[in-house]
């Protein structure tokens, strides 16, 4: 029975004896106060709904999120994980009941992989009851623990944590490395693992390597070239102990100005295509224009054409350098000159048939350019590059007495600078050079490391790929893109990717102490 009528009547003067049950005043107040308990409870619910820490329903949390410009996609990846865990738990239960050991073990492994558990194929026994190992009973226990890890209450608290972290990140400021890393971790239900970061940083301080910057002590790891930024992270959604699952430290990283794959594979401005013998074309140069942040080393691929790719010279006019091959590149075969100056023909080392020269690369008086090399002298204007007689490596390769193959020596490759680059290709002359149009003698592809401006890429643990639905539904990367949009610097594009072998190797080199 409610005590609210008594509380009201006690406010009246005592000499009226208002609280006597035989008085009509008691009956009137009791009737009027009947709905106050309900109203009070509802009012308390309204107050809780307006407080992030106290909101009782997902709807209330999403309405609070709306005040910050967030929509129903706030817990999107969380709910994708929950659906996958529930599906795996159901299939695990069914396999254990049917005695299907193969499916049982596969579903258990998938669950442990979702929780970043090391050695996921051998963890099912952790859930076995006391006594002789019983993997079917362990599977049922694991399924129960998995469903509990994505219960309605856990999902509510997961959404609450996400929203609170978004607000904290905004309060500290957007468009910073910390903001983006924290936002990416939060969107994936990961926490920054500060303890692991500190442990690895201490080891690097004791044995520094030549890739990580130890002068920046903000709790993250930064490469010396300032392109890569990495942190350890830890999953929030592991099931509660017992048993306490072991945990494999994971990495979340940012790559600023990532590589442009179209340039590094020769599909961009370096896709020069077939060229004629430019020895007979006057100032027959072909030009490559590039953007970038610094000069880069060049990879050159020359494919043989029309039986003409013999005794070739590839010349970088602006560097005053020629890369030469005294042999023949058969039709369809490919001569590759890599960034270090290594010559290979269809994968076979042919350095003993190659040489390079520097100097002797003059301009054309009929088509002058401020980038041309010129004869030296006392009245040279400032900034003009002075040419010299050509010097070859190995020496004497331009002499009539030069012989091939020669003893192997280290050769230097060519580079490519920011802006305009002028090149030429020369081969052994033949009658086709005088045709109209001249006969094509080589198919040329140039590639180099090029970084994309106004772009950064987030690298996330590859295990999240298991959550991706069939096309055309949105996957984890697309949902993460949207989640990060509010934290990125204005005018900068966000790209997202699953960790691959190349990124993993680069990061491992950063975080491994020197021997």
Protein backbone atom coordinates (compact mmCIF):
# COMPACT_ATOMS: atom_id res chain seq x y z
CA UNK A 1 0.00 0.00 0.00
CA UNK A 2 1.33 3.43 -0.91
CA UNK A 3 2.45 5.73 1.90
CA UNK A 4 2.05 8.81 -0.27
CA UNK A 5 -1.40 9.87 1.24
CA UNK A 6 0.13 9.80 4.71
CA UNK A 7 3.10 11.88 3.54
CA UNK A 8 0.68 14.48 2.15
CA UNK A 9 -1.57 14.58 5.21
CA UNK A 10 1.41 15.02 7.54
CA UNK A 11 1.91 18.42 5.97
CA UNK A 12 -1.41 19.62 7.45
CA UNK A 13 -1.53 21.16 10.97
CA UNK A 14 -1.33 18.40 13.59
CA UNK A 15 -4.35 19.62 15.61
CA UNK A 16 -6.60 18.75 12.66
CA UNK A 17 -5.58 15.11 12.98
CA UNK A 18 -5.72 14.76 9.19
CA UNK A 19 -4.12 11.30 9.13
CA UNK A 20 -6.93 9.56 10.99
CA UNK A 21 -8.25 6.86 8.65
CA UNK A 22 -11.84 7.45 9.76
CA UNK A 23 -11.80 11.00 8.44
CA UNK A 24 -13.10 11.81 4.99
CA UNK A 25 -9.95 13.88 4.39
CA UNK A 26 -7.93 10.68 4.32
CA UNK A 27 -10.21 9.17 1.68
CA UNK A 28 -10.11 12.28 -0.50
CA UNK A 29 -6.30 12.58 -0.36
CA UNK A 30 -5.87 8.85 -0.98
CA UNK A 31 -7.97 9.12 -4.14
CA UNK A 32 -6.16 12.20 -5.39
CA UNK A 33 -2.73 10.67 -4.76
CA UNK A 34 -3.48 7.37 -6.47
CA UNK A 35 -1.75 8.34 -9.74
CA UNK A 36 1.18 10.19 -8.17
CA UNK A 37 3.27 7.01 -7.79
CA UNK A 38 2.86 6.26 -11.48
CA UNK A 39 3.60 9.83 -12.44
CA UNK A 40 6.65 9.91 -10.19
CA UNK A 41 7.97 6.71 -11.71
CA UNK A 42 7.43 8.02 -15.22
CA UNK A 43 9.08 11.31 -14.33
CA UNK A 44 12.11 9.43 -13.03
CA UNK A 45 12.21 7.50 -16.30
CA UNK A 46 12.19 10.76 -18.25
CA UNK A 47 15.05 12.08 -16.15
CA UNK A 48 17.04 8.88 -16.74
CA UNK A 49 16.30 9.00 -20.48
CA UNK A 50 17.94 12.43 -20.66
CA UNK A 51 21.14 11.23 -18.99
CA UNK A 52 23.71 9.30 -21.01
CA UNK A 53 24.82 7.20 -18.05
CA UNK A 54 21.27 6.29 -16.98
CA UNK A 55 19.25 5.84 -20.20
CA UNK A 56 17.42 2.51 -19.98
CA UNK A 57 16.64 1.81 -23.65
CA UNK A 58 18.43 1.84 -26.97
CA UNK A 59 15.82 4.30 -28.25
CA UNK A 60 16.75 6.79 -25.54
CA UNK A 61 20.44 6.46 -26.38
CA UNK A 62 19.82 6.98 -30.09
CA UNK A 63 17.71 10.07 -29.33
CA UNK A 64 20.60 11.43 -27.28
CA UNK A 65 22.92 10.59 -30.16
CA UNK A 66 20.67 12.61 -32.43
CA UNK A 67 21.43 15.70 -30.36
CA UNK A 68 25.04 15.31 -31.53
CA UNK A 69 24.18 14.79 -35.18
CA UNK A 70 24.45 11.00 -34.99
CA UNK A 71 21.86 8.69 -36.51
CA UNK A 72 20.78 5.07 -36.17
CA UNK A 73 24.03 3.89 -37.76
CA UNK A 74 25.94 4.68 -34.54
CA UNK A 75 25.89 1.01 -33.38
CA UNK A 76 25.88 -0.46 -36.91
CA UNK A 77 29.12 -2.46 -36.69
CA UNK A 78 28.27 -3.51 -33.12
CA UNK A 79 24.99 -5.00 -34.31
CA UNK A 80 26.74 -6.70 -37.25
CA UNK A 81 29.03 -8.42 -34.76
CA UNK A 82 26.11 -9.37 -32.53
CA UNK A 83 24.25 -10.96 -35.45
CA UNK A 84 27.33 -12.92 -36.48
CA UNK A 85 28.00 -14.13 -32.93
CA UNK A 86 24.39 -15.26 -32.49
CA UNK A 87 24.47 -17.10 -35.81
CA UNK A 88 27.73 -18.88 -34.95
CA UNK A 89 26.44 -19.75 -31.46
CA UNK A 90 23.29 -21.28 -32.95
CA UNK A 91 25.27 -23.31 -35.47
CA UNK A 92 27.70 -24.38 -32.76
CA UNK A 93 24.85 -25.66 -30.58
CA UNK A 94 23.36 -27.56 -33.50
CA UNK A 95 26.69 -29.14 -34.46
CA UNK A 96 27.40 -30.21 -30.87
CA UNK A 97 23.92 -31.73 -30.51
CA UNK A 98 24.36 -33.63 -33.79
CA UNK A 99 27.88 -34.79 -32.89
CA UNK A 100 29.34 -33.06 -35.99
CA UNK A 101 32.89 -32.47 -34.77
CA UNK A 102 34.10 -30.79 -37.99
CA UNK A 103 31.39 -28.11 -38.01
CA UNK A 104 31.57 -27.74 -34.23
CA UNK A 105 35.31 -27.03 -34.31
CA UNK A 106 34.98 -24.66 -37.29
CA UNK A 107 32.26 -22.57 -35.63
CA UNK A 108 34.16 -22.45 -32.34
CA UNK A 109 37.27 -21.29 -34.20
CA UNK A 110 35.27 -18.55 -35.94
CA UNK A 111 33.98 -17.29 -32.60
CA UNK A 112 37.46 -17.16 -31.09
CA UNK A 113 38.74 -15.33 -34.18
CA UNK A 114 36.02 -12.70 -33.74
CA UNK A 115 37.36 -12.11 -30.22
CA UNK A 116 41.02 -11.92 -31.39
CA UNK A 117 41.93 -15.02 -29.38
CA UNK A 118 45.36 -16.46 -30.28
CA UNK A 119 45.47 -20.05 -31.54
CA UNK A 120 41.68 -20.02 -32.10
CA UNK A 121 41.55 -23.59 -33.34
CA UNK A 122 42.60 -25.02 -29.97
CA UNK A 123 40.62 -23.02 -27.41
CA UNK A 124 37.34 -24.93 -27.23
CA UNK A 125 38.63 -27.13 -24.40
CA UNK A 126 38.75 -24.05 -22.13
CA UNK A 127 34.95 -24.33 -21.83
CA UNK A 128 34.92 -28.04 -21.04
CA UNK A 129 33.29 -28.91 -17.67
CA UNK A 130 35.41 -30.49 -14.89
CA UNK A 131 36.32 -34.11 -15.44
CA UNK A 132 37.25 -35.89 -18.66
CA UNK A 133 37.34 -33.50 -21.67
CA UNK A 134 33.93 -33.23 -23.31
CA UNK A 135 34.13 -30.97 -26.37
CA UNK A 136 30.41 -31.21 -27.12
CA UNK A 137 29.59 -29.95 -23.62
CA UNK A 138 32.30 -27.31 -24.08
CA UNK A 139 30.64 -26.23 -27.32
CA UNK A 140 27.28 -25.75 -25.58
CA UNK A 141 28.99 -23.74 -22.82
CA UNK A 142 30.82 -21.62 -25.40
CA UNK A 143 27.56 -20.96 -27.26
CA UNK A 144 25.92 -19.82 -24.03
CA UNK A 145 28.85 -17.51 -23.23
CA UNK A 146 28.79 -16.14 -26.78
CA UNK A 147 25.08 -15.28 -26.60
CA UNK A 148 25.63 -13.63 -23.22
CA UNK A 149 28.40 -11.47 -24.72
CA UNK A 150 25.84 -9.91 -27.10
CA UNK A 151 22.84 -9.81 -24.81
CA UNK A 152 20.47 -6.85 -24.95
CA UNK A 153 22.13 -5.37 -21.88
CA UNK A 154 25.64 -5.75 -23.36
CA UNK A 155 24.53 -4.14 -26.62
CA UNK A 156 22.90 -1.28 -24.70
CA UNK A 157 26.09 -0.70 -22.74
CA UNK A 158 28.16 -1.02 -25.92
CA UNK A 159 26.10 1.70 -27.58
CA UNK A 160 26.37 3.86 -24.45
CA UNK A 161 30.16 3.49 -24.47
CA UNK A 162 30.31 4.38 -28.16
CA UNK A 163 28.28 7.55 -27.70
CA UNK A 164 30.26 8.63 -24.64
CA UNK A 165 33.55 8.10 -26.52
CA UNK A 166 32.30 10.13 -29.50
CA UNK A 167 31.45 13.03 -27.18
CA UNK A 168 34.83 12.83 -25.41
CA UNK A 169 36.71 12.80 -28.70
CA UNK A 170 34.80 15.82 -29.98
CA UNK A 171 35.46 17.64 -26.74
CA UNK A 172 39.22 17.12 -27.12
CA UNK A 173 39.11 18.21 -30.77
CA UNK A 174 38.68 16.71 -34.23
CA UNK A 175 41.05 16.41 -37.19
CA UNK A 176 44.02 15.11 -35.17
CA UNK A 177 45.79 11.75 -35.26
CA UNK A 178 44.51 10.95 -31.80
CA UNK A 179 40.94 11.88 -32.68
CA UNK A 180 40.92 9.71 -35.81
CA UNK A 181 42.59 6.71 -34.13
CA UNK A 182 40.24 6.89 -31.14
CA UNK A 183 37.21 7.31 -33.41
CA UNK A 184 38.19 4.32 -35.55
CA UNK A 185 38.79 2.15 -32.49
CA UNK A 186 35.48 3.23 -30.97
CA UNK A 187 33.55 2.47 -34.17
CA UNK A 188 34.97 -1.08 -34.09
CA UNK A 189 34.33 -1.56 -30.35
CA UNK A 190 38.02 -1.49 -29.55
CA UNK A 191 39.85 0.34 -26.79
CA UNK A 192 43.31 1.90 -27.10
CA UNK A 193 45.63 -0.52 -25.27
CA UNK A 194 47.75 2.02 -23.44
CA UNK A 195 49.49 -0.62 -21.30
CA UNK A 196 50.70 -2.55 -24.36
CA UNK A 197 51.78 0.67 -26.06
CA UNK A 198 53.85 1.61 -23.01
CA UNK A 199 55.41 -1.86 -22.82
CA UNK A 200 56.50 -1.81 -26.47
CA UNK A 201 57.69 1.80 -26.25
CA UNK A 202 59.91 0.91 -23.27
CA UNK A 203 61.48 -1.90 -25.30
CA UNK A 204 62.09 0.45 -28.23
CA UNK A 205 63.65 3.04 -25.95
CA UNK A 206 66.13 0.41 -24.77
CA UNK A 207 66.89 -0.85 -28.30
CA UNK A 208 65.96 1.85 -30.86
CA UNK A 209 65.48 0.86 -34.49
CA UNK A 210 65.78 3.12 -37.54
CA UNK A 211 62.08 3.34 -38.43
CA UNK A 212 60.17 4.58 -35.36
CA UNK A 213 60.30 8.15 -34.04
CA UNK A 214 61.11 8.05 -30.32
CA UNK A 215 60.95 11.83 -29.90
CA UNK A 216 57.14 11.90 -30.08
CA UNK A 217 55.82 10.60 -26.76
CA UNK A 218 52.04 10.90 -27.15
CA UNK A 219 51.32 7.24 -26.42
CA UNK A 220 51.26 6.18 -30.09
CA UNK A 221 53.97 5.01 -32.51
CA UNK A 222 55.06 7.21 -35.43
CA UNK A 223 57.42 6.37 -38.28
CA UNK A 224 60.40 8.63 -38.83
CA UNK A 225 59.06 9.66 -42.23
CA UNK A 226 55.79 10.70 -40.49
CA UNK A 227 53.61 8.68 -42.87
CA UNK A 228 52.63 5.82 -40.51
CA UNK A 229 50.99 6.06 -37.08
CA UNK A 230 50.07 2.98 -35.06
CA UNK A 231 48.50 1.96 -31.75
CA UNK A 232 47.68 -1.32 -30.03
CA UNK A 233 43.98 -1.93 -29.41
CA UNK A 234 41.93 -4.35 -27.35
CA UNK A 235 38.45 -5.79 -28.00
CA UNK A 236 35.56 -4.70 -25.74
CA UNK A 237 33.24 -7.58 -26.61
CA UNK A 238 35.05 -10.64 -25.31
CA UNK A 239 32.79 -12.88 -23.18
CA UNK A 240 33.02 -12.50 -19.44
CA UNK A 241 35.21 -14.98 -17.53
CA UNK A 242 35.45 -17.69 -16.50
CA UNK A 243 37.36 -18.79 -18.38
CA UNK A 244 39.51 -15.73 -19.04
CA UNK A 245 40.38 -15.92 -22.72
CA UNK A 246 43.94 -15.09 -23.77
CA UNK A 247 44.18 -12.08 -26.00
CA UNK A 248 46.29 -11.39 -29.07
CA UNK A 249 47.38 -7.71 -29.19
CA UNK A 250 46.06 -6.06 -32.34
CA UNK A 251 47.10 -2.97 -34.23
CA UNK A 252 45.16 -0.05 -35.65
CA UNK A 253 47.04 2.33 -37.92
CA UNK A 254 46.90 5.43 -40.06
CA UNK A 255 48.86 5.80 -43.27
CA UNK A 256 49.07 9.41 -44.37
CA UNK A 257 49.23 10.00 -48.12
CA UNK A 258 49.08 6.30 -49.03
CA UNK A 259 50.64 4.92 -52.20
CA UNK A 260 48.77 5.55 -55.42
CA UNK A 261 48.38 2.04 -56.89
CA UNK A 262 47.73 3.34 -60.41
CA UNK A 263 51.19 4.95 -60.50
CA UNK A 264 53.12 2.17 -58.75
CA UNK A 265 51.72 -0.34 -61.27
CA UNK A 266 52.33 1.85 -64.32
CA UNK A 267 48.65 2.52 -65.04
CA UNK A 268 48.83 6.28 -64.50
CA UNK A 269 51.00 8.89 -66.23
CA UNK A 270 53.81 6.34 -66.52
CA UNK A 271 51.87 4.28 -69.07
CA UNK A 272 53.90 5.71 -71.97
CA UNK A 273 53.04 3.04 -74.56
CA UNK A 274 54.79 2.23 -77.87
CA UNK A 275 57.49 4.62 -79.07
CA UNK A 276 59.54 4.99 -82.25
CA UNK A 277 63.32 5.21 -82.45
CA UNK A 278 63.90 8.77 -81.34
CA UNK A 279 67.43 8.94 -82.73
CA UNK A 280 65.89 10.02 -86.05
CA UNK A 281 63.07 12.23 -84.72
CA UNK A 282 65.00 15.43 -84.03
CA UNK A 283 64.18 16.46 -80.45
CA UNK A 284 62.02 13.36 -80.14
CA UNK A 285 61.32 13.43 -76.44
CA UNK A 286 58.34 12.07 -74.60
CA UNK A 287 57.24 13.82 -71.44
CA UNK A 288 55.85 12.60 -68.13
CA UNK A 289 54.28 15.10 -65.73
CA UNK A 290 53.93 14.10 -62.09
CA UNK A 291 52.83 15.51 -58.77
CA UNK A 292 54.23 14.34 -55.48
CA UNK A 293 56.10 15.26 -52.34
CA UNK A 294 59.68 14.39 -53.31
CA UNK A 295 61.81 13.00 -56.12
CA UNK A 296 61.48 9.23 -56.41
CA UNK A 297 63.39 6.34 -57.96
CA UNK A 298 62.07 5.09 -61.27
CA UNK A 299 61.25 1.57 -62.45
CA UNK A 300 61.42 1.14 -66.24
CA UNK A 301 59.80 -1.69 -68.22
CA UNK A 302 60.59 -1.98 -71.93
CA UNK A 303 58.75 -4.56 -74.01
CA UNK A 304 60.24 -5.69 -77.32
CA UNK A 305 58.36 -4.77 -80.54
CA UNK A 306 58.70 -5.47 -84.26
CA UNK A 307 62.12 -7.09 -83.81
CA UNK A 308 63.59 -3.60 -83.30
CA UNK A 309 64.40 -3.47 -79.59
CA UNK A 310 68.17 -3.93 -79.96
CA UNK A 311 71.11 -2.05 -78.43
CA UNK A 312 68.76 0.34 -76.66
CA UNK A 313 69.40 3.45 -74.62
CA UNK A 314 66.79 4.88 -72.28
CA UNK A 315 67.69 8.50 -71.57
CA UNK A 316 66.44 10.80 -68.83
CA UNK A 317 67.16 14.12 -70.49
CA UNK A 318 66.75 16.22 -67.35
CA UNK A 319 69.01 14.01 -65.22
CA UNK A 320 71.65 13.74 -67.92
CA UNK A 321 71.67 9.97 -67.56
CA UNK A 322 71.32 7.04 -69.94
CA UNK A 323 70.53 3.41 -69.11
CA UNK A 324 71.76 1.12 -71.87
CA UNK A 325 71.35 -2.53 -72.88
CA UNK A 326 73.65 -3.98 -75.52
CA UNK A 327 71.53 -7.07 -76.19
CA UNK A 328 68.17 -7.70 -77.85
CA UNK A 329 64.72 -7.66 -76.24
CA UNK A 330 62.65 -10.19 -78.25
CA UNK A 331 59.09 -9.34 -79.24
CA UNK A 332 56.82 -9.68 -76.22
CA UNK A 333 59.74 -10.05 -73.80
CA UNK A 334 60.26 -7.44 -71.11
CA UNK A 335 63.43 -5.72 -70.02
CA UNK A 336 63.07 -4.33 -66.49
CA UNK A 337 65.40 -1.74 -65.00
CA UNK A 338 64.50 -1.48 -61.32
CA UNK A 339 64.90 1.39 -58.88
CA UNK A 340 68.41 0.25 -57.90
CA UNK A 341 69.60 -0.02 -61.53
CA UNK A 342 69.27 -3.82 -61.79
CA UNK A 343 68.66 -5.09 -65.36
CA UNK A 344 66.59 -8.25 -65.89
CA UNK A 345 65.18 -9.74 -69.10
CA UNK A 346 62.10 -11.87 -68.45
CA UNK A 347 63.32 -12.26 -64.88
CA UNK A 348 66.91 -13.24 -65.82
CA UNK A 349 69.80 -11.05 -64.62
CA UNK A 350 71.45 -9.30 -67.61
CA UNK A 351 73.61 -6.75 -65.79
CA UNK A 352 76.63 -8.05 -67.74
CA UNK A 353 75.01 -6.74 -70.95
CA UNK A 354 74.13 -3.33 -69.51
CA UNK A 355 75.85 -0.07 -68.72
CA UNK A 356 74.98 3.51 -67.78
CA UNK A 357 76.35 6.91 -68.67
CA UNK A 358 76.19 10.40 -67.19
CA UNK A 359 76.90 13.75 -68.86
CA UNK A 360 76.93 14.62 -72.54
CA UNK A 361 73.16 15.26 -72.51
CA UNK A 362 72.82 18.61 -74.28
CA UNK A 363 69.81 20.64 -75.36
CA UNK A 364 68.41 21.51 -78.78
CA UNK A 365 68.93 25.06 -80.05
CA UNK A 366 65.77 24.79 -82.14
CA UNK A 367 63.66 23.92 -79.11
CA UNK A 368 65.39 25.42 -76.05
CA UNK A 369 64.26 24.74 -72.50
CA UNK A 370 65.47 26.17 -69.18
CA UNK A 371 65.83 22.53 -68.08
CA UNK A 372 68.48 21.79 -70.75
CA UNK A 373 72.10 21.11 -69.98
CA UNK A 374 74.62 23.51 -71.56
CA UNK A 375 78.31 23.99 -72.21
CA UNK A 376 80.14 25.58 -69.31
CA UNK A 377 81.89 28.95 -69.50
CA UNK A 378 82.59 32.18 -67.66
CA UNK A 379 79.33 33.87 -68.60
CA UNK A 380 76.83 31.16 -67.68
CA UNK A 381 73.62 32.58 -66.20
CA UNK A 382 72.78 31.39 -62.69
CA UNK A 383 70.84 28.14 -62.41
CA UNK A 384 71.97 26.68 -65.75
CA UNK A 385 73.19 23.10 -65.44
CA UNK A 386 76.62 22.51 -66.90
CA UNK A 387 77.09 19.32 -68.90
CA UNK A 388 80.26 17.27 -69.07
CA UNK A 389 81.69 14.57 -71.28
CA UNK A 390 79.88 11.30 -70.90
CA UNK A 391 81.30 8.91 -68.32
CA UNK A 392 80.17 5.30 -68.38
CA UNK A 393 79.81 2.59 -65.76
CA UNK A 394 81.70 0.32 -66.33
CA UNK A 395 84.29 2.60 -67.97
CA UNK A 396 84.84 2.53 -71.72
CA UNK A 397 81.43 1.15 -72.71
CA UNK A 398 81.04 3.76 -75.49
CA UNK A 399 84.38 2.82 -77.06
CA UNK A 400 84.42 0.84 -80.29
CA UNK A 401 86.52 -1.79 -78.49
CA UNK A 402 83.89 -2.39 -75.73
CA UNK A 403 82.93 -6.07 -75.36
CA UNK A 404 79.83 -7.77 -73.96
CA UNK A 405 79.15 -9.50 -71.68
CA UNK A 406 81.43 -7.65 -69.28
CA UNK A 407 82.26 -8.23 -65.60
CA UNK A 408 79.31 -7.25 -63.45
CA UNK A 409 79.50 -3.95 -61.57
CA UNK A 410 76.85 -2.08 -59.54
CA UNK A 411 74.77 0.25 -61.72
CA UNK A 412 72.63 3.23 -60.76
CA UNK A 413 69.02 3.59 -61.89
CA UNK A 414 67.17 6.75 -62.89
CA UNK A 415 64.85 8.97 -60.88
CA UNK A 416 61.78 11.03 -61.57
CA UNK A 417 61.30 14.53 -60.21
CA UNK A 418 58.26 16.61 -59.36
CA UNK A 419 56.85 18.35 -62.41
CA UNK A 420 57.93 17.78 -66.01
CA UNK A 421 60.30 14.92 -66.87
CA UNK A 422 61.66 14.42 -70.39
CA UNK A 423 62.77 11.03 -71.69
CA UNK A 424 63.90 9.44 -74.95
CA UNK A 425 64.43 5.91 -76.27
CA UNK A 426 67.11 5.03 -78.81
CA UNK A 427 67.70 1.69 -80.55
CA UNK A 428 69.88 0.36 -83.36
CA UNK A 429 68.82 2.28 -86.51
CA UNK A 430 66.94 0.49 -89.30
CA UNK A 431 64.99 1.31 -92.45
CA UNK A 432 61.68 1.48 -90.60
CA UNK A 433 62.81 4.63 -88.81
CA UNK A 434 62.35 6.65 -92.00
CA UNK A 435 58.72 5.56 -92.51
CA UNK A 436 55.68 7.75 -92.04
CA UNK A 437 54.85 7.20 -89.28
CA UNK A 438 58.16 5.77 -88.01
CA UNK A 439 58.13 2.14 -86.92
CA UNK A 440 57.48 1.56 -83.22
CA UNK A 441 60.46 -0.02 -81.50
CA UNK A 442 59.51 -0.45 -77.83
CA UNK A 443 56.51 -0.38 -75.49
CA UNK A 444 57.48 1.60 -72.38
CA UNK A 445 55.96 1.60 -68.91
CA UNK A 446 57.31 3.75 -66.07
CA UNK A 447 56.36 3.29 -62.43
CA UNK A 448 57.41 4.85 -59.16
CA UNK A 449 56.23 5.31 -55.60
CA UNK A 450 53.66 8.07 -55.61
CA UNK A 451 51.72 9.24 -52.59
CA UNK A 452 48.20 10.56 -52.89
CA UNK A 453 47.64 14.12 -51.59
CA UNK A 454 44.83 14.95 -49.17
CA UNK A 455 44.20 11.31 -48.31
CA UNK A 456 44.80 9.11 -45.30
CA UNK A 457 44.07 5.42 -44.90
CA UNK A 458 42.93 3.56 -41.79
CA UNK A 459 44.22 -0.02 -41.52
CA UNK A 460 42.03 -2.22 -39.29
CA UNK A 461 42.41 -5.84 -38.09
CA UNK A 462 41.64 -8.30 -40.89
CA UNK A 463 39.29 -10.35 -38.68
CA UNK A 464 36.53 -7.78 -39.27
CA UNK A 465 36.25 -8.96 -42.87
CA UNK A 466 34.33 -11.97 -41.53
CA UNK A 467 31.42 -9.62 -40.77
CA UNK A 468 31.00 -8.39 -44.34
CA UNK A 469 27.67 -9.39 -45.92
CA UNK A 470 27.32 -10.37 -49.58
CA UNK A 471 27.29 -7.51 -52.07
CA UNK A 472 25.68 -5.05 -52.53
CA UNK A 473 25.04 -4.64 -48.78
CA UNK A 474 27.38 -2.32 -46.89
CA UNK A 475 30.34 -3.96 -45.22
CA UNK A 476 32.45 -2.95 -42.24
CA UNK A 477 34.73 -0.64 -44.25
CA UNK A 478 31.83 1.37 -45.67
CA UNK A 479 30.24 1.77 -42.25
CA UNK A 480 33.60 2.80 -40.80
CA UNK A 481 34.02 5.40 -43.55
CA UNK A 482 30.79 7.08 -42.44
CA UNK A 483 31.69 6.89 -38.78
CA UNK A 484 35.00 8.67 -39.39
CA UNK A 485 33.61 11.40 -41.61
CA UNK A 486 32.86 13.69 -38.66
CA UNK A 487 36.42 13.41 -37.29
CA UNK A 488 38.52 13.86 -40.43
CA UNK A 489 40.22 17.12 -41.41
CA UNK A 490 38.12 19.15 -43.84
CA UNK A 491 39.06 18.49 -47.45
CA UNK A 492 40.89 15.26 -46.64
CA UNK A 493 39.59 11.92 -47.91
CA UNK A 494 39.38 8.90 -45.60
CA UNK A 495 40.12 5.45 -46.98
CA UNK A 496 39.73 2.24 -45.01
CA UNK A 497 41.34 -1.15 -45.55
CA UNK A 498 41.92 -4.48 -43.88
CA UNK A 499 45.49 -5.14 -42.78
CA UNK A 500 47.44 -6.88 -45.54
CA UNK A 501 50.88 -8.47 -45.63
CA UNK A 502 52.68 -5.33 -46.80
CA UNK A 503 51.21 -3.11 -44.08
CA UNK A 504 51.81 -5.78 -41.42
CA UNK A 505 55.48 -6.01 -42.40
CA UNK A 506 55.96 -2.25 -42.32
CA UNK A 507 54.37 -2.00 -38.87
CA UNK A 508 56.31 -4.99 -37.55
CA UNK A 509 59.54 -3.25 -38.58
CA UNK A 510 58.42 -0.13 -36.68
CA UNK A 511 57.61 -1.97 -33.46
CA UNK A 512 60.49 -4.47 -33.36
CA UNK A 513 63.44 -3.34 -31.19
CA UNK A 514 66.86 -3.43 -32.83
CA UNK A 515 68.83 -6.62 -32.11
